[in-house]
Amino acid sequence: MEDLLEGILGIELDLDEEIKVRIPLDYYVTDDLELINENELKEKLTNLIKELEKRIQ
């Protein structure tokens, strides 16, 4: 399951004990803290939430 989610989301997850999500912030936030690639970030987070909802059902 972890490998599937990591492949879909491009982030590392550890679902054994707790959920750890690592998102490369430099890809989504500038040095001035301006949000970039906002749509892609929203899509990744939405997909993560959907997968987690499936897992807890």
PDB file of N, CA and C in Angstrom:
ATOM      1  N   MET A   1       0.826  -1.195   0.000  1.00  0.00           N
ATOM      2  CA  MET A   1       0.000   0.000   0.000  1.00  0.00           C
ATOM      3  C   MET A   1       0.868   1.256   0.000  1.00  0.00           C
ATOM      4  N   GLU A   2       1.918   1.239   0.838  1.00  0.00           N
ATOM      5  CA  GLU A   2       2.794   2.405   0.911  1.00  0.00           C
ATOM      6  C   GLU A   2       3.421   2.700  -0.442  1.00  0.00           C
ATOM      7  N   ASP A   3       3.917   1.654  -1.112  1.00  0.00           N
ATOM      8  CA  ASP A   3       4.556   1.850  -2.408  1.00  0.00           C
ATOM      9  C   ASP A   3       3.585   2.432  -3.422  1.00  0.00           C
ATOM     10  N   LEU A   4       2.346   1.963  -3.397  1.00  0.00           N
ATOM     11  CA  LEU A   4       1.328   2.482  -4.309  1.00  0.00           C
ATOM     12  C   LEU A   4       1.099   3.969  -4.070  1.00  0.00           C
ATOM     13  N   LEU A   5       0.890   4.342  -2.812  1.00  0.00           N
ATOM     14  CA  LEU A   5       0.653   5.752  -2.488  1.00  0.00           C
ATOM     15  C   LEU A   5       1.872   6.611  -2.794  1.00  0.00           C
ATOM     16  N   GLU A   6       3.049   6.097  -2.471  1.00  0.00           N
ATOM     17  CA  GLU A   6       4.257   6.863  -2.752  1.00  0.00           C
ATOM     18  C   GLU A   6       4.408   7.092  -4.247  1.00  0.00           C
ATOM     19  N   GLY A   7       4.076   6.075  -5.050  1.00  0.00           N
ATOM     20  CA  GLY A   7       4.161   6.218  -6.493  1.00  0.00           C
ATOM     21  C   GLY A   7       3.155   7.212  -7.039  1.00  0.00           C
ATOM     22  N   ILE A   8       1.944   7.166  -6.523  1.00  0.00           N
ATOM     23  CA  ILE A   8       0.893   8.078  -6.979  1.00  0.00           C
ATOM     24  C   ILE A   8       1.202   9.508  -6.564  1.00  0.00           C
ATOM     25  N   LEU A   9       1.584   9.673  -5.312  1.00  0.00           N
ATOM     26  CA  LEU A   9       1.731  11.013  -4.750  1.00  0.00           C
ATOM     27  C   LEU A   9       3.136  11.577  -4.873  1.00  0.00           C
ATOM     28  N   GLY A  10       4.115  10.710  -5.067  1.00  0.00           N
ATOM     29  CA  GLY A  10       5.490  11.187  -5.123  1.00  0.00           C
ATOM     30  C   GLY A  10       5.999  11.648  -3.772  1.00  0.00           C
ATOM     31  N   ILE A  11       5.435  11.112  -2.708  1.00  0.00           N
ATOM     32  CA  ILE A  11       5.862  11.467  -1.357  1.00  0.00           C
ATOM     33  C   ILE A  11       6.040  10.188  -0.555  1.00  0.00           C
ATOM     34  N   GLU A  12       6.810  10.273   0.528  1.00  0.00           N
ATOM     35  CA  GLU A  12       7.069   9.106   1.355  1.00  0.00           C
ATOM     36  C   GLU A  12       6.006   8.961   2.432  1.00  0.00           C
ATOM     37  N   LEU A  13       5.538   7.732   2.619  1.00  0.00           N
ATOM     38  CA  LEU A  13       4.541   7.445   3.645  1.00  0.00           C
ATOM     39  C   LEU A  13       5.015   6.282   4.511  1.00  0.00           C
ATOM     40  N   ASP A  14       4.653   6.299   5.763  1.00  0.00           N
ATOM     41  CA  ASP A  14       4.880   5.179   6.672  1.00  0.00           C
ATOM     42  C   ASP A  14       3.546   4.889   7.341  1.00  0.00           C
ATOM     43  N   LEU A  15       2.846   3.866   6.866  1.00  0.00           N
ATOM     44  CA  LEU A  15       1.500   3.583   7.357  1.00  0.00           C
ATOM     45  C   LEU A  15       1.481   2.528   8.456  1.00  0.00           C
ATOM     46  N   ASP A  16       2.644   2.030   8.868  1.00  0.00           N
ATOM     47  CA  ASP A  16       2.678   0.993   9.892  1.00  0.00           C
ATOM     48  C   ASP A  16       2.262   1.525  11.259  1.00  0.00           C
ATOM     49  N   GLU A  17       2.837   2.621  11.682  1.00  0.00           N
ATOM     50  CA  GLU A  17       2.543   3.148  13.006  1.00  0.00           C
ATOM     51  C   GLU A  17       1.862   4.505  12.954  1.00  0.00           C
ATOM     52  N   GLU A  18       2.284   5.331  12.066  1.00  0.00           N
ATOM     53  CA  GLU A  18       1.696   6.656  11.931  1.00  0.00           C
ATOM     54  C   GLU A  18       1.868   7.104  10.494  1.00  0.00           C
ATOM     55  N   ILE A  19       1.153   8.100  10.132  1.00  0.00           N
ATOM     56  CA  ILE A  19       1.229   8.601   8.765  1.00  0.00           C
ATOM     57  C   ILE A  19       2.230   9.740   8.724  1.00  0.00           C
ATOM     58  N   LYS A  20       3.209   9.591   7.855  1.00  0.00           N
ATOM     59  CA  LYS A  20       4.207  10.635   7.664  1.00  0.00           C
ATOM     60  C   LYS A  20       4.169  11.037   6.196  1.00  0.00           C
ATOM     61  N   VAL A  21       3.955  12.267   5.959  1.00  0.00           N
ATOM     62  CA  VAL A  21       3.901  12.762   4.591  1.00  0.00           C
ATOM     63  C   VAL A  21       5.013  13.776   4.416  1.00  0.00           C
ATOM     64  N   ARG A  22       5.824  13.550   3.405  1.00  0.00           N
ATOM     65  CA  ARG A  22       6.901  14.492   3.099  1.00  0.00           C
ATOM     66  C   ARG A  22       6.630  15.081   1.724  1.00  0.00           C
ATOM     67  N   ILE A  23       6.474  16.370   1.703  1.00  0.00           N
ATOM     68  CA  ILE A  23       6.201  17.074   0.457  1.00  0.00           C
ATOM     69  C   ILE A  23       7.351  18.043   0.218  1.00  0.00           C
ATOM     70  N   PRO A  24       7.944  18.030  -0.975  1.00  0.00           N
ATOM     71  CA  PRO A  24       9.057  18.940  -1.260  1.00  0.00           C
ATOM     72  C   PRO A  24       8.564  20.389  -1.350  1.00  0.00           C
ATOM     73  N   LEU A  25       8.628  21.089  -0.242  1.00  0.00           N
ATOM     74  CA  LEU A  25       8.059  22.439  -0.185  1.00  0.00           C
ATOM     75  C   LEU A  25       8.706  23.408  -1.165  1.00  0.00           C
ATOM     76  N   ASP A  26       9.984  23.212  -1.474  1.00  0.00           N
ATOM     77  CA  ASP A  26      10.633  24.130  -2.408  1.00  0.00           C
ATOM     78  C   ASP A  26      10.007  24.060  -3.800  1.00  0.00           C
ATOM     79  N   TYR A  27       9.292  22.979  -4.103  1.00  0.00           N
ATOM     80  CA  TYR A  27       8.598  22.857  -5.380  1.00  0.00           C
ATOM     81  C   TYR A  27       7.273  23.610  -5.367  1.00  0.00           C
ATOM     82  N   TYR A  28       6.714  23.817  -4.189  1.00  0.00           N
ATOM     83  CA  TYR A  28       5.397  24.436  -4.062  1.00  0.00           C
ATOM     84  C   TYR A  28       5.414  25.823  -3.431  1.00  0.00           C
ATOM     85  N   VAL A  29       6.521  26.197  -2.813  1.00  0.00           N
ATOM     86  CA  VAL A  29       6.604  27.485  -2.122  1.00  0.00           C
ATOM     87  C   VAL A  29       7.934  28.145  -2.473  1.00  0.00           C
ATOM     88  N   THR A  30       7.890  29.430  -2.821  1.00  0.00           N
ATOM     89  CA  THR A  30       9.113  30.166  -3.127  1.00  0.00           C
ATOM     90  C   THR A  30       9.816  30.578  -1.836  1.00  0.00           C
ATOM     91  N   ASP A  31      11.010  31.123  -1.975  1.00  0.00           N
ATOM     92  CA  ASP A  31      11.751  31.618  -0.808  1.00  0.00           C
ATOM     93  C   ASP A  31      10.991  32.720  -0.082  1.00  0.00           C
ATOM     94  N   ASP A  32      10.147  33.433  -0.814  1.00  0.00           N
ATOM     95  CA  ASP A  32       9.330  34.505  -0.222  1.00  0.00           C
ATOM     96  C   ASP A  32       7.985  33.991   0.294  1.00  0.00           C
ATOM     97  N   LEU A  33       7.856  32.662   0.362  1.00  0.00           N
ATOM     98  CA  LEU A  33       6.640  31.992   0.840  1.00  0.00           C
ATOM     99  C   LEU A  33       5.418  32.234  -0.046  1.00  0.00           C
ATOM    100  N   GLU A  34       5.663  32.443  -1.329  1.00  0.00           N
ATOM    101  CA  GLU A  34       4.581  32.532  -2.305  1.00  0.00           C
ATOM    102  C   GLU A  34       4.276  31.123  -2.807  1.00  0.00           C
ATOM    103  N   LEU A  35       3.009  30.790  -2.896  1.00  0.00           N
ATOM    104  CA  LEU A  35       2.590  29.468  -3.340  1.00  0.00           C
ATOM    105  C   LEU A  35       2.709  29.362  -4.856  1.00  0.00           C
ATOM    106  N   ILE A  36       3.369  28.307  -5.317  1.00  0.00           N
ATOM    107  CA  ILE A  36       3.480  28.016  -6.748  1.00  0.00           C
ATOM    108  C   ILE A  36       3.007  26.582  -6.971  1.00  0.00           C
ATOM    109  N   ASN A  37       2.704  26.243  -8.204  1.00  0.00           N
ATOM    110  CA  ASN A  37       2.207  24.905  -8.535  1.00  0.00           C
ATOM    111  C   ASN A  37       1.026  24.527  -7.644  1.00  0.00           C
ATOM    112  N   GLU A  38       0.172  25.497  -7.391  1.00  0.00           N
ATOM    113  CA  GLU A  38      -0.938  25.312  -6.452  1.00  0.00           C
ATOM    114  C   GLU A  38      -1.888  24.198  -6.880  1.00  0.00           C
ATOM    115  N   ASN A  39      -2.228  24.139  -8.161  1.00  0.00           N
ATOM    116  CA  ASN A  39      -3.167  23.116  -8.631  1.00  0.00           C
ATOM    117  C   ASN A  39      -2.598  21.714  -8.451  1.00  0.00           C
ATOM    118  N   GLU A  40      -1.315  21.567  -8.736  1.00  0.00           N
ATOM    119  CA  GLU A  40      -0.676  20.263  -8.569  1.00  0.00           C
ATOM    120  C   GLU A  40      -0.644  19.858  -7.096  1.00  0.00           C
ATOM    121  N   LEU A  41      -0.356  20.804  -6.218  1.00  0.00           N
ATOM    122  CA  LEU A  41      -0.350  20.535  -4.780  1.00  0.00           C
ATOM    123  C   LEU A  41      -1.743  20.130  -4.307  1.00  0.00           C
ATOM    124  N   LYS A  42      -2.757  20.843  -4.745  1.00  0.00           N
ATOM    125  CA  LYS A  42      -4.135  20.501  -4.372  1.00  0.00           C
ATOM    126  C   LYS A  42      -4.491  19.096  -4.840  1.00  0.00           C
ATOM    127  N   GLU A  43      -4.084  18.759  -6.054  1.00  0.00           N
ATOM    128  CA  GLU A  43      -4.377  17.436  -6.600  1.00  0.00           C
ATOM    129  C   GLU A  43      -3.686  16.343  -5.781  1.00  0.00           C
ATOM    130  N   LYS A  44      -2.433  16.547  -5.435  1.00  0.00           N
ATOM    131  CA  LYS A  44      -1.710  15.557  -4.630  1.00  0.00           C
ATOM    132  C   LYS A  44      -2.355  15.377  -3.261  1.00  0.00           C
ATOM    133  N   LEU A  45      -2.717  16.470  -2.629  1.00  0.00           N
ATOM    134  CA  LEU A  45      -3.335  16.384  -1.305  1.00  0.00           C
ATOM    135  C   LEU A  45      -4.715  15.743  -1.374  1.00  0.00           C
ATOM    136  N   THR A  46      -5.475  16.065  -2.408  1.00  0.00           N
ATOM    137  CA  THR A  46      -6.792  15.456  -2.592  1.00  0.00           C
ATOM    138  C   THR A  46      -6.661  13.953  -2.785  1.00  0.00           C
ATOM    139  N   ASN A  47      -5.706  13.536  -3.608  1.00  0.00           N
ATOM    140  CA  ASN A  47      -5.482  12.107  -3.828  1.00  0.00           C
ATOM    141  C   ASN A  47      -5.057  11.410  -2.541  1.00  0.00           C
ATOM    142  N   LEU A  48      -4.218  12.056  -1.771  1.00  0.00           N
ATOM    143  CA  LEU A  48      -3.782  11.488  -0.495  1.00  0.00           C
ATOM    144  C   LEU A  48      -4.972  11.281   0.435  1.00  0.00           C
ATOM    145  N   ILE A  49      -5.806  12.270   0.546  1.00  0.00           N
ATOM    146  CA  ILE A  49      -6.985  12.173   1.416  1.00  0.00           C
ATOM    147  C   ILE A  49      -7.914  11.056   0.947  1.00  0.00           C
ATOM    148  N   LYS A  50      -8.132  10.941  -0.354  1.00  0.00           N
ATOM    149  CA  LYS A  50      -8.996   9.881  -0.886  1.00  0.00           C
ATOM    150  C   LYS A  50      -8.439   8.500  -0.566  1.00  0.00           C
ATOM    151  N   GLU A  51      -7.134   8.319  -0.744  1.00  0.00           N
ATOM    152  CA  GLU A  51      -6.514   7.029  -0.450  1.00  0.00           C
ATOM    153  C   GLU A  51      -6.588   6.703   1.033  1.00  0.00           C
ATOM    154  N   LEU A  52      -6.403   7.694   1.867  1.00  0.00           N
ATOM    155  CA  LEU A  52      -6.492   7.466   3.310  1.00  0.00           C
ATOM    156  C   LEU A  52      -7.917   7.136   3.726  1.00  0.00           C
ATOM    157  N   GLU A  53      -8.896   7.790   3.115  1.00  0.00           N
ATOM    158  CA  GLU A  53     -10.299   7.482   3.403  1.00  0.00           C
ATOM    159  C   GLU A  53     -10.630   6.043   3.020  1.00  0.00           C
ATOM    160  N   LYS A  54     -10.120   5.586   1.883  1.00  0.00           N
ATOM    161  CA  LYS A  54     -10.340   4.200   1.462  1.00  0.00           C
ATOM    162  C   LYS A  54      -9.732   3.235   2.478  1.00  0.00           C
ATOM    163  N   ARG A  55      -8.570   3.584   2.975  1.00  0.00           N
ATOM    164  CA  ARG A  55      -7.855   2.704   3.905  1.00  0.00           C
ATOM    165  C   ARG A  55      -8.603   2.543   5.228  1.00  0.00           C
ATOM    166  N   ILE A  56      -9.267   3.581   5.702  1.00  0.00           N
ATOM    167  CA  ILE A  56      -9.924   3.495   7.004  1.00  0.00           C
ATOM    168  C   ILE A  56     -11.338   2.935   6.919  1.00  0.00           C
ATOM    169  N   GLN A  57     -11.852   2.744   5.724  1.00  0.00           N
ATOM    170  CA  GLN A  57     -13.218   2.204   5.584  1.00  0.00           C
ATOM    171  C   GLN A  57     -13.229   0.704   5.725  1.00  0.00           C
TER     172      GLN A  57
END
